[in-house]
PDB file of N, CA and C in Angstrom:
ATOM      1  N   MET A   1     260.707   3.035 -38.361  1.00  0.00           N
ATOM      2  CA  MET A   1     260.839   4.106 -37.505  1.00  0.00           C
ATOM      3  C   MET A   1     259.999   3.551 -36.656  1.00  0.00           C
ATOM      4  N   GLU A   2     260.476   3.930 -35.047  1.00  0.00           N
ATOM      5  CA  GLU A   2     259.784   3.562 -34.256  1.00  0.00           C
ATOM      6  C   GLU A   2     259.259   4.840 -33.246  1.00  0.00           C
ATOM      7  N   THR A   3     258.146   5.213 -32.745  1.00  0.00           N
ATOM      8  CA  THR A   3     257.564   5.846 -31.889  1.00  0.00           C
ATOM      9  C   THR A   3     258.034   5.945 -30.488  1.00  0.00           C
ATOM     10  N   LYS A   4     258.101   6.865 -30.160  1.00  0.00           N
ATOM     11  CA  LYS A   4     258.230   6.832 -28.303  1.00  0.00           C
ATOM     12  C   LYS A   4     257.390   7.144 -27.804  1.00  0.00           C
ATOM     13  N   ARG A   5     257.033   6.328 -26.767  1.00  0.00           N
ATOM     14  CA  ARG A   5     255.885   6.186 -25.622  1.00  0.00           C
ATOM     15  C   ARG A   5     255.736   6.847 -24.476  1.00  0.00           C
ATOM     16  N   THR A   6     254.645   7.320 -24.658  1.00  0.00           N
ATOM     17  CA  THR A   6     254.115   8.350 -23.373  1.00  0.00           C
ATOM     18  C   THR A   6     254.785   7.652 -21.839  1.00  0.00           C
ATOM     19  N   ASN A   7     255.379   8.531 -21.138  1.00  0.00           N
ATOM     20  CA  ASN A   7     255.793   7.680 -19.785  1.00  0.00           C
ATOM     21  C   ASN A   7     254.503   7.959 -18.935  1.00  0.00           C
ATOM     22  N   THR A   8     254.120   6.489 -18.615  1.00  0.00           N
ATOM     23  CA  THR A   8     253.345   6.285 -17.846  1.00  0.00           C
ATOM     24  C   THR A   8     253.125   6.895 -16.341  1.00  0.00           C
ATOM     25  N   ASN A   9     254.146   6.601 -16.244  1.00  0.00           N
ATOM     26  CA  ASN A   9     254.335   7.438 -14.405  1.00  0.00           C
ATOM     27  C   ASN A   9     254.269   9.105 -14.220  1.00  0.00           C
ATOM     28  N   ALA A  10     254.506   9.517 -15.484  1.00  0.00           N
ATOM     29  CA  ALA A  10     253.989  11.229 -15.633  1.00  0.00           C
ATOM     30  C   ALA A  10     252.557  11.399 -15.617  1.00  0.00           C
ATOM     31  N   ILE A  11     251.608  10.386 -16.813  1.00  0.00           N
ATOM     32  CA  ILE A  11     250.201  10.791 -17.025  1.00  0.00           C
ATOM     33  C   ILE A  11     249.962  10.657 -15.226  1.00  0.00           C
ATOM     34  N   ILE A  12     250.266   9.672 -14.417  1.00  0.00           N
ATOM     35  CA  ILE A  12     249.628   9.137 -12.964  1.00  0.00           C
ATOM     36  C   ILE A  12     249.766  10.103 -12.490  1.00  0.00           C
ATOM     37  N   GLY A  13     251.095  10.922 -12.422  1.00  0.00           N
ATOM     38  CA  GLY A  13     251.554  12.218 -11.637  1.00  0.00           C
ATOM     39  C   GLY A  13     250.597  13.441 -11.968  1.00  0.00           C
ATOM     40  N   PHE A  14     250.595  13.547 -13.404  1.00  0.00           N
ATOM     41  CA  PHE A  14     249.285  14.903 -13.470  1.00  0.00           C
ATOM     42  C   PHE A  14     247.908  14.374 -13.168  1.00  0.00           C
ATOM     43  N   GLY A  15     247.881  13.337 -13.390  1.00  0.00           N
ATOM     44  CA  GLY A  15     246.290  12.884 -12.885  1.00  0.00           C
ATOM     45  C   GLY A  15     246.160  12.904 -11.560  1.00  0.00           C
ATOM     46  N   LEU A  16     246.951  12.530 -10.755  1.00  0.00           N
ATOM     47  CA  LEU A  16     246.770  12.427  -9.450  1.00  0.00           C
ATOM     48  C   LEU A  16     246.940  13.887  -8.948  1.00  0.00           C
ATOM     49  N   SER A  17     247.635  14.723  -9.450  1.00  0.00           N
ATOM     50  CA  SER A  17     248.143  16.157  -9.041  1.00  0.00           C
ATOM     51  C   SER A  17     246.587  17.136  -9.615  1.00  0.00           C
ATOM     52  N   LEU A  18     245.892  16.632 -10.461  1.00  0.00           N
ATOM     53  CA  LEU A  18     244.452  17.434 -10.870  1.00  0.00           C
ATOM     54  C   LEU A  18     243.433  16.895  -9.703  1.00  0.00           C
ATOM     55  N   GLY A  19     243.573  15.520  -9.607  1.00  0.00           N
ATOM     56  CA  GLY A  19     242.758  14.818  -8.780  1.00  0.00           C
ATOM     57  C   GLY A  19     242.534  15.571  -7.286  1.00  0.00           C
ATOM     58  N   GLY A  20     243.963  15.530  -6.765  1.00  0.00           N
ATOM     59  CA  GLY A  20     243.612  16.263  -5.338  1.00  0.00           C
ATOM     60  C   GLY A  20     242.983  17.702  -5.197  1.00  0.00           C
ATOM     61  N   TYR A  21     242.991  18.366  -6.937  1.00  0.00           N
ATOM     62  CA  TYR A  21     242.284  19.534  -6.184  1.00  0.00           C
ATOM     63  C   TYR A  21     240.790  19.317  -6.088  1.00  0.00           C
ATOM     64  N   PHE A  22     240.222  18.427  -6.181  1.00  0.00           N
ATOM     65  CA  PHE A  22     238.684  18.117  -6.484  1.00  0.00           C
ATOM     66  C   PHE A  22     238.424  17.170  -5.564  1.00  0.00           C
ATOM     67  N   THR A  23     239.237  16.744  -4.462  1.00  0.00           N
ATOM     68  CA  THR A  23     238.795  15.860  -3.098  1.00  0.00           C
ATOM     69  C   THR A  23     238.897  16.647  -2.117  1.00  0.00           C
ATOM     70  N   ASN A  24     238.603  16.076  -0.891  1.00  0.00           N
ATOM     71  CA  ASN A  24     238.483  16.776   0.392  1.00  0.00           C
ATOM     72  C   ASN A  24     239.882  16.812   1.011  1.00  0.00           C
ATOM     73  N   MET A  25     240.106  17.531   1.929  1.00  0.00           N
ATOM     74  CA  MET A  25     241.351  17.536   2.320  1.00  0.00           C
ATOM     75  C   MET A  25     242.514  16.558   2.693  1.00  0.00           C
ATOM     76  N   SER A  26     241.681  15.538   3.521  1.00  0.00           N
ATOM     77  CA  SER A  26     242.362  14.386   3.655  1.00  0.00           C
ATOM     78  C   SER A  26     243.098  13.467   2.167  1.00  0.00           C
ATOM     79  N   LEU A  27     242.192  13.450   1.465  1.00  0.00           N
ATOM     80  CA  LEU A  27     242.149  12.319   0.477  1.00  0.00           C
ATOM     81  C   LEU A  27     243.594  13.479  -0.566  1.00  0.00           C
ATOM     82  N   GLY A  28     242.944  14.651  -0.664  1.00  0.00           N
ATOM     83  CA  GLY A  28     243.317  15.599  -1.316  1.00  0.00           C
ATOM     84  C   GLY A  28     245.020  15.433  -1.236  1.00  0.00           C
ATOM     85  N   ILE A  29     245.115  15.623   0.205  1.00  0.00           N
ATOM     86  CA  ILE A  29     246.798  15.798   0.549  1.00  0.00           C
ATOM     87  C   ILE A  29     247.592  14.599   0.091  1.00  0.00           C
ATOM     88  N   LEU A  30     246.895  13.576   0.105  1.00  0.00           N
ATOM     89  CA  LEU A  30     247.580  12.138  -0.338  1.00  0.00           C
ATOM     90  C   LEU A  30     247.740  11.955  -1.570  1.00  0.00           C
ATOM     91  N   LEU A  31     246.819  12.574  -2.216  1.00  0.00           N
ATOM     92  CA  LEU A  31     247.103  12.551  -3.849  1.00  0.00           C
ATOM     93  C   LEU A  31     247.740  13.566  -4.208  1.00  0.00           C
ATOM     94  N   ILE A  32     247.994  14.514  -4.122  1.00  0.00           N
ATOM     95  CA  ILE A  32     248.674  15.938  -3.905  1.00  0.00           C
ATOM     96  C   ILE A  32     250.201  15.009  -3.751  1.00  0.00           C
ATOM     97  N   ILE A  33     250.684  14.382  -3.091  1.00  0.00           N
ATOM     98  CA  ILE A  33     251.857  13.603  -2.202  1.00  0.00           C
ATOM     99  C   ILE A  33     252.100  12.746  -3.419  1.00  0.00           C
ATOM    100  N   ALA A  34     251.257  11.716  -3.617  1.00  0.00           N
ATOM    101  CA  ALA A  34     251.802  10.981  -5.094  1.00  0.00           C
ATOM    102  C   ALA A  34     251.837  11.489  -6.221  1.00  0.00           C
ATOM    103  N   GLY A  35     251.175  12.495  -6.543  1.00  0.00           N
ATOM    104  CA  GLY A  35     251.376  13.193  -7.748  1.00  0.00           C
ATOM    105  C   GLY A  35     252.516  13.392  -7.857  1.00  0.00           C
ATOM    106  N   PHE A  36     253.033  14.447  -6.861  1.00  0.00           N
ATOM    107  CA  PHE A  36     254.481  14.731  -6.690  1.00  0.00           C
ATOM    108  C   PHE A  36     255.170  14.197  -7.034  1.00  0.00           C
ATOM    109  N   ILE A  37     255.296  12.587  -6.354  1.00  0.00           N
ATOM    110  CA  ILE A  37     256.366  11.758  -6.375  1.00  0.00           C
ATOM    111  C   ILE A  37     256.101  11.001  -7.872  1.00  0.00           C
ATOM    112  N   PHE A  38     255.198  10.424  -8.337  1.00  0.00           N
ATOM    113  CA  PHE A  38     254.688   9.981  -9.273  1.00  0.00           C
ATOM    114  C   PHE A  38     255.686  11.102 -10.627  1.00  0.00           C
ATOM    115  N   SER A  39     255.426  12.402 -10.004  1.00  0.00           N
ATOM    116  CA  SER A  39     255.804  13.283 -11.682  1.00  0.00           C
ATOM    117  C   SER A  39     257.145  13.332 -11.688  1.00  0.00           C
ATOM    118  N   ILE A  40     257.867  13.572 -10.539  1.00  0.00           N
ATOM    119  CA  ILE A  40     259.740  13.654 -10.391  1.00  0.00           C
ATOM    120  C   ILE A  40     259.984  11.899 -10.873  1.00  0.00           C
ATOM    121  N   ILE A  41     259.440  10.768 -10.611  1.00  0.00           N
ATOM    122  CA  ILE A  41     259.564   9.295 -11.382  1.00  0.00           C
ATOM    123  C   ILE A  41     259.840   9.511 -12.767  1.00  0.00           C
ATOM    124  N   GLY A  42     258.112  10.157 -13.468  1.00  0.00           N
ATOM    125  CA  GLY A  42     258.279  10.256 -14.334  1.00  0.00           C
ATOM    126  C   GLY A  42     259.024  10.741 -15.260  1.00  0.00           C
ATOM    127  N   PHE A  43     259.544  12.397 -14.642  1.00  0.00           N
ATOM    128  CA  PHE A  43     260.354  13.229 -15.477  1.00  0.00           C
ATOM    129  C   PHE A  43     262.044  12.500 -15.488  1.00  0.00           C
ATOM    130  N   VAL A  44     262.394  11.783 -14.519  1.00  0.00           N
ATOM    131  CA  VAL A  44     263.588  10.847 -14.416  1.00  0.00           C
ATOM    132  C   VAL A  44     263.258   9.852 -15.514  1.00  0.00           C
ATOM    133  N   GLN A  45     262.851   8.909 -15.295  1.00  0.00           N
ATOM    134  CA  GLN A  45     262.441   8.022 -16.509  1.00  0.00           C
ATOM    135  C   GLN A  45     262.549   8.830 -18.078  1.00  0.00           C
ATOM    136  N   ILE A  46     261.730   9.669 -18.484  1.00  0.00           N
ATOM    137  CA  ILE A  46     261.693  10.470 -19.450  1.00  0.00           C
ATOM    138  C   ILE A  46     263.223  10.716 -19.921  1.00  0.00           C
ATOM    139  N   LYS A  47     263.718  11.486 -19.276  1.00  0.00           N
ATOM    140  CA  LYS A  47     265.629  11.741 -19.713  1.00  0.00           C
ATOM    141  C   LYS A  47     266.097  10.725 -19.804  1.00  0.00           C
ATOM    142  N   GLU A  48     265.908   9.477 -18.951  1.00  0.00           N
ATOM    143  CA  GLU A  48     266.708   8.463 -19.053  1.00  0.00           C
ATOM    144  C   GLU A  48     266.495   7.686 -20.333  1.00  0.00           C
ATOM    145  N   ARG A  49     265.295   7.282 -21.158  1.00  0.00           N
ATOM    146  CA  ARG A  49     264.858   6.356 -21.595  1.00  0.00           C
ATOM    147  C   ARG A  49     264.324   7.207 -22.942  1.00  0.00           C
ATOM    148  N   GLY A  50     264.031   8.592 -23.061  1.00  0.00           N
ATOM    149  CA  GLY A  50     264.011   9.510 -24.384  1.00  0.00           C
ATOM    150  C   GLY A  50     262.415   9.117 -24.729  1.00  0.00           C
ATOM    151  N   GLU A  51     261.727   9.108 -23.546  1.00  0.00           N
ATOM    152  CA  GLU A  51     260.373   8.986 -24.090  1.00  0.00           C
ATOM    153  C   GLU A  51     259.782  10.295 -23.939  1.00  0.00           C
ATOM    154  N   LYS A  52     258.509  10.386 -24.584  1.00  0.00           N
ATOM    155  CA  LYS A  52     257.082  11.369 -24.355  1.00  0.00           C
ATOM    156  C   LYS A  52     256.499  11.875 -23.067  1.00  0.00           C
ATOM    157  N   GLY A  53     256.372  12.298 -22.709  1.00  0.00           N
ATOM    158  CA  GLY A  53     255.211  13.012 -21.947  1.00  0.00           C
ATOM    159  C   GLY A  53     256.223  13.988 -21.040  1.00  0.00           C
ATOM    160  N   LYS A  54     257.123  15.069 -21.179  1.00  0.00           N
ATOM    161  CA  LYS A  54     257.468  15.758 -20.199  1.00  0.00           C
ATOM    162  C   LYS A  54     256.634  16.856 -19.762  1.00  0.00           C
ATOM    163  N   VAL A  55     255.849  17.161 -20.865  1.00  0.00           N
ATOM    164  CA  VAL A  55     254.742  18.178 -20.155  1.00  0.00           C
ATOM    165  C   VAL A  55     254.287  17.548 -19.161  1.00  0.00           C
ATOM    166  N   PHE A  56     253.405  16.446 -19.265  1.00  0.00           N
ATOM    167  CA  PHE A  56     252.724  15.972 -18.411  1.00  0.00           C
ATOM    168  C   PHE A  56     253.186  15.866 -16.925  1.00  0.00           C
ATOM    169  N   ALA A  57     254.651  15.831 -17.036  1.00  0.00           N
ATOM    170  CA  ALA A  57     255.274  15.146 -15.634  1.00  0.00           C
ATOM    171  C   ALA A  57     255.836  17.012 -15.041  1.00  0.00           C
ATOM    172  N   ILE A  58     255.837  17.945 -15.927  1.00  0.00           N
ATOM    173  CA  ILE A  58     256.229  19.130 -15.550  1.00  0.00           C
ATOM    174  C   ILE A  58     254.771  19.456 -14.874  1.00  0.00           C
ATOM    175  N   LEU A  59     253.596  19.543 -15.714  1.00  0.00           N
ATOM    176  CA  LEU A  59     252.542  20.015 -14.928  1.00  0.00           C
ATOM    177  C   LEU A  59     252.358  19.298 -14.170  1.00  0.00           C
ATOM    178  N   GLY A  60     252.397  18.008 -13.781  1.00  0.00           N
ATOM    179  CA  GLY A  60     251.901  17.300 -12.483  1.00  0.00           C
ATOM    180  C   GLY A  60     252.603  17.877 -11.163  1.00  0.00           C
ATOM    181  N   PHE A  61     253.646  18.127 -11.693  1.00  0.00           N
ATOM    182  CA  PHE A  61     255.361  18.689 -10.501  1.00  0.00           C
ATOM    183  C   PHE A  61     254.492  20.086  -9.906  1.00  0.00           C
ATOM    184  N   ILE A  62     254.179  21.042 -11.344  1.00  0.00           N
ATOM    185  CA  ILE A  62     253.733  22.338 -10.305  1.00  0.00           C
ATOM    186  C   ILE A  62     252.518  22.354  -9.972  1.00  0.00           C
ATOM    187  N   LEU A  63     251.305  21.375 -10.591  1.00  0.00           N
ATOM    188  CA  LEU A  63     250.086  21.317 -10.136  1.00  0.00           C
ATOM    189  C   LEU A  63     250.149  21.222  -8.529  1.00  0.00           C
ATOM    190  N   SER A  64     251.170  19.875  -8.263  1.00  0.00           N
ATOM    191  CA  SER A  64     251.024  19.290  -6.955  1.00  0.00           C
ATOM    192  C   SER A  64     251.745  20.404  -6.009  1.00  0.00           C
ATOM    193  N   LEU A  65     252.769  20.828  -6.339  1.00  0.00           N
ATOM    194  CA  LEU A  65     253.117  22.017  -5.656  1.00  0.00           C
ATOM    195  C   LEU A  65     252.142  23.162  -5.462  1.00  0.00           C
ATOM    196  N   LEU A  66     251.696  23.986  -6.063  1.00  0.00           N
ATOM    197  CA  LEU A  66     250.736  24.630  -6.066  1.00  0.00           C
ATOM    198  C   LEU A  66     249.298  24.203  -5.327  1.00  0.00           C
ATOM    199  N   ALA A  67     248.983  23.086  -5.292  1.00  0.00           N
ATOM    200  CA  ALA A  67     247.707  22.416  -4.647  1.00  0.00           C
ATOM    201  C   ALA A  67     248.174  22.620  -3.546  1.00  0.00           C
ATOM    202  N   PHE A  68     249.162  22.282  -3.262  1.00  0.00           N
ATOM    203  CA  PHE A  68     250.011  22.104  -1.310  1.00  0.00           C
ATOM    204  C   PHE A  68     250.005  23.241  -0.734  1.00  0.00           C
ATOM    205  N   ILE A  69     250.904  24.280  -1.454  1.00  0.00           N
ATOM    206  CA  ILE A  69     250.468  25.527  -1.066  1.00  0.00           C
ATOM    207  C   ILE A  69     249.072  26.164  -0.551  1.00  0.00           C
ATOM    208  N   LEU A  70     248.425  25.680  -1.798  1.00  0.00           N
ATOM    209  CA  LEU A  70     246.775  26.321  -1.398  1.00  0.00           C
ATOM    210  C   LEU A  70     246.368  25.570  -0.026  1.00  0.00           C
ATOM    211  N   ALA A  71     246.582  24.125   0.213  1.00  0.00           N
ATOM    212  CA  ALA A  71     246.435  23.595   1.313  1.00  0.00           C
ATOM    213  C   ALA A  71     246.877  24.093   2.655  1.00  0.00           C
ATOM    214  N   ILE A  72     248.020  24.560   2.345  1.00  0.00           N
ATOM    215  CA  ILE A  72     248.796  24.963   3.510  1.00  0.00           C
ATOM    216  C   ILE A  72     247.921  26.193   4.020  1.00  0.00           C
ATOM    217  N   LEU A  73     247.858  27.064   2.692  1.00  0.00           N
ATOM    218  CA  LEU A  73     247.267  28.686   2.809  1.00  0.00           C
ATOM    219  C   LEU A  73     245.467  28.132   3.709  1.00  0.00           C
ATOM    220  N   ALA A  74     245.111  27.245   3.315  1.00  0.00           N
ATOM    221  CA  ALA A  74     243.783  26.879   3.571  1.00  0.00           C
ATOM    222  C   ALA A  74     243.881  26.323   5.144  1.00  0.00           C
ATOM    223  N   ASN A  75     244.688  25.979   5.631  1.00  0.00           N
ATOM    224  CA  ASN A  75     244.715  25.350   6.745  1.00  0.00           C
ATOM    225  C   ASN A  75     245.200  26.841   7.635  1.00  0.00           C
ATOM    226  N   LEU A  76     246.113  27.583   7.479  1.00  0.00           N
ATOM    227  CA  LEU A  76     246.684  28.673   7.799  1.00  0.00           C
ATOM    228  C   LEU A  76     245.327  30.044   8.120  1.00  0.00           C
ATOM    229  N   TYR A  77     245.032  30.060   7.264  1.00  0.00           N
ATOM    230  CA  TYR A  77     244.009  31.110   6.960  1.00  0.00           C
ATOM    231  C   TYR A  77     242.710  30.508   6.397  1.00  0.00           C
ATOM    232  N   PRO A  78     241.984  29.862   7.033  1.00  0.00           N
ATOM    233  CA  PRO A  78     240.499  29.423   6.296  1.00  0.00           C
ATOM    234  C   PRO A  78     239.422  30.498   6.016  1.00  0.00           C
ATOM    235  N   GLU A  79     239.653  31.669   6.724  1.00  0.00           N
ATOM    236  CA  GLU A  79     238.838  32.596   6.489  1.00  0.00           C
ATOM    237  C   GLU A  79     238.627  33.348   5.255  1.00  0.00           C
ATOM    238  N   LEU A  80     240.268  32.905   4.244  1.00  0.00           N
ATOM    239  CA  LEU A  80     240.137  32.988   2.950  1.00  0.00           C
ATOM    240  C   LEU A  80     239.832  32.645   2.091  1.00  0.00           C
ATOM    241  N   PHE A  81     239.242  31.042   2.525  1.00  0.00           N
ATOM    242  CA  PHE A  81     238.704  30.408   1.923  1.00  0.00           C
ATOM    243  C   PHE A  81     237.518  29.956   2.260  1.00  0.00           C
ATOM    244  N   ASN A  82     237.068  30.695   3.064  1.00  0.00           N
ATOM    245  CA  ASN A  82     235.635  30.520   3.632  1.00  0.00           C
ATOM    246  C   ASN A  82     235.241  29.051   3.947  1.00  0.00           C
ATOM    247  N   TYR A  83     235.907  28.569   4.737  1.00  0.00           N
ATOM    248  CA  TYR A  83     235.449  26.955   5.024  1.00  0.00           C
ATOM    249  C   TYR A  83     235.262  27.188   6.855  1.00  0.00           C
TER     250      TYR A  83
END
């Protein structure tokens, strides 16, 4: 019986999306975008190959979207975020 591998792109996407929360604004945006891309690629590969890691891909996608929305709001309304 062969065990399924966890998709590497899904894990990388989750890590990059999470890292986008804890870095400064310019680097954070790049990490968020990269996390979004890796999460989508990982999700597609999981469907095609039948690998594990769907939760990582979904969480990476959601975290990157939330971080991107927060970054936009922080730039539009800096008084809400004490910048």
